[in-house]
Amino acid sequence: MTVSTELDSPGMFIERAVPLLKEYLNKVTGVQKQIRDLRNEYEQSNGVYGADTNAIYKAEFDSLQQYFNRLNPALDFFSQQVSGMIEQGQVDPLTRVELQMRLAELESALLQIPYLLQAYRIR
């Protein structure tokens, strides 16, 4: 068995995919929290910090949007890979269900970000 074949095996894929699904779900939900927290901080500041307050918060918000925009294509590709592994049926039923649930959580969190970015945008 070659190294390439070992890395391409369903067992190896699952062994690496599950921790990545967990890690990136945490990152995406962290971005959601940052968006909400940033908006709350902005609303509570009421311009107390001077004329630069809006610019600072807009820059912070834009950096979160850029982070998401850069991360999203890679996460979409990763989601497709996990989905393909599930559809090919190369995993046992319990692992398939675990992958489906973890993937659904990640995809749901990813779908929420654009709505949050639009709703909480600092104008």
Protein backbone atom coordinates (compact mmCIF):
# COMPACT_ATOMS: atom_id res chain seq x y z
CA MET A 1 0.00 0.00 0.00
CA THR A 2 1.43 3.35 -1.00
CA VAL A 3 1.36 6.49 1.11
CA SER A 4 -1.10 8.07 -1.35
CA THR A 5 -3.47 5.10 -1.04
CA GLU A 6 -3.28 5.21 2.75
CA LEU A 7 -4.12 8.91 2.82
CA ASP A 8 -7.01 8.40 0.41
CA SER A 9 -8.57 5.57 2.41
CA PRO A 10 -11.99 6.20 4.00
CA GLY A 11 -10.60 5.48 7.47
CA MET A 12 -7.84 8.06 7.12
CA PHE A 13 -10.23 10.59 5.63
CA ILE A 14 -12.67 10.19 8.51
CA GLU A 15 -9.88 10.30 11.07
CA ARG A 16 -8.83 13.68 9.70
CA ALA A 17 -12.25 15.03 8.69
CA VAL A 18 -14.06 14.76 12.02
CA PRO A 19 -11.57 16.94 13.94
CA LEU A 20 -11.59 19.46 11.07
CA LEU A 21 -15.39 19.61 11.11
CA LYS A 22 -15.26 20.29 14.86
CA GLU A 23 -12.48 22.86 14.53
CA TYR A 24 -14.10 24.85 11.76
CA LEU A 25 -17.54 24.74 13.32
CA ASN A 26 -15.92 26.38 16.35
CA LYS A 27 -14.22 28.96 14.13
CA VAL A 28 -17.41 29.79 12.23
CA THR A 29 -19.50 30.06 15.39
CA GLY A 30 -16.70 32.21 16.79
CA VAL A 31 -17.07 34.56 13.82
CA GLN A 32 -20.82 34.69 14.46
CA LYS A 33 -20.14 35.66 18.07
CA GLN A 34 -17.59 38.27 17.03
CA ILE A 35 -20.09 39.85 14.64
CA ARG A 36 -22.76 40.05 17.35
CA ASP A 37 -20.31 41.26 20.00
CA LEU A 38 -18.89 43.92 17.71
CA ARG A 39 -22.34 45.26 16.97
CA ASN A 40 -23.21 45.28 20.69
CA GLU A 41 -20.00 47.13 21.54
CA TYR A 42 -20.69 49.65 18.81
CA GLU A 43 -24.23 50.30 20.03
CA GLN A 44 -23.07 50.66 23.63
CA SER A 45 -20.28 53.07 22.72
CA ASN A 46 -22.69 55.77 21.45
CA GLY A 47 -19.76 57.56 19.86
CA VAL A 48 -18.07 58.08 23.23
CA TYR A 49 -14.66 57.50 21.70
CA GLY A 50 -14.96 60.38 19.24
CA ALA A 51 -15.38 60.73 15.50
CA ASP A 52 -13.17 57.74 14.76
CA THR A 53 -15.55 55.32 16.45
CA ASN A 54 -17.51 54.51 13.28
CA ALA A 55 -14.34 54.05 11.22
CA ILE A 56 -12.82 51.72 13.80
CA TYR A 57 -15.93 49.56 14.08
CA LYS A 58 -16.40 49.48 10.31
CA ALA A 59 -12.80 48.36 9.86
CA GLU A 60 -13.22 45.62 12.45
CA PHE A 61 -16.45 44.51 10.82
CA ASP A 62 -14.88 44.54 7.36
CA SER A 63 -12.00 42.41 8.62
CA LEU A 64 -14.49 39.80 9.84
CA GLN A 65 -16.23 39.87 6.47
CA GLN A 66 -12.90 39.44 4.66
CA TYR A 67 -11.96 36.54 6.93
CA PHE A 68 -15.25 34.83 6.14
CA ASN A 69 -14.95 35.55 2.41
CA ARG A 70 -11.50 33.95 2.31
CA LEU A 71 -12.43 30.95 4.45
CA ASN A 72 -15.80 30.17 2.87
CA PRO A 73 -14.60 28.75 -0.49
CA ALA A 74 -12.25 26.32 1.24
CA LEU A 75 -14.98 25.26 3.65
CA ASP A 76 -17.39 24.77 0.76
CA PHE A 77 -14.85 22.52 -0.95
CA PHE A 78 -14.22 20.61 2.28
CA SER A 79 -17.98 20.19 2.77
CA GLN A 80 -18.27 18.76 -0.74
CA GLN A 81 -15.50 16.28 0.00
CA VAL A 82 -17.19 15.12 3.22
CA SER A 83 -20.54 14.94 1.45
CA GLY A 84 -18.98 12.84 -1.31
CA MET A 85 -17.53 10.43 1.24
CA ILE A 86 -20.96 10.11 2.85
CA GLU A 87 -22.71 9.55 -0.50
CA GLN A 88 -20.18 6.97 -1.69
CA GLY A 89 -21.14 4.82 1.26
CA GLN A 90 -17.55 3.97 2.12
CA VAL A 91 -18.18 4.43 5.83
CA ASP A 92 -20.07 2.45 8.41
CA PRO A 93 -23.63 3.62 9.24
CA LEU A 94 -22.77 5.21 12.60
CA THR A 95 -19.86 7.14 11.13
CA ARG A 96 -22.06 8.22 8.22
CA VAL A 97 -24.62 9.65 10.64
CA GLU A 98 -21.90 11.42 12.65
CA LEU A 99 -20.46 12.96 9.49
CA GLN A 100 -23.93 14.01 8.30
CA MET A 101 -24.72 15.71 11.62
CA ARG A 102 -21.36 17.47 11.88
CA LEU A 103 -21.56 18.56 8.26
CA ALA A 104 -25.11 19.85 8.73
CA GLU A 105 -23.97 21.89 11.75
CA LEU A 106 -21.08 23.43 9.83
CA GLU A 107 -23.16 24.16 6.73
CA SER A 108 -25.92 25.72 8.83
CA ALA A 109 -23.43 27.97 10.61
CA LEU A 110 -21.88 28.95 7.27
CA LEU A 111 -25.28 29.86 5.82
CA GLN A 112 -26.01 32.16 8.77
CA ILE A 113 -22.89 34.32 8.39
CA PRO A 114 -23.99 36.32 5.29
CA TYR A 115 -27.30 37.14 6.99
CA LEU A 116 -25.54 38.24 10.16
CA LEU A 117 -23.07 40.32 8.18
CA GLN A 118 -25.93 42.10 6.44
CA ALA A 119 -28.11 42.55 9.53
CA TYR A 120 -25.36 43.68 11.90
CA ARG A 121 -23.36 45.79 9.42
CA ILE A 122 -22.29 49.07 10.91
CA ARG A 123 -23.45 51.88 8.66
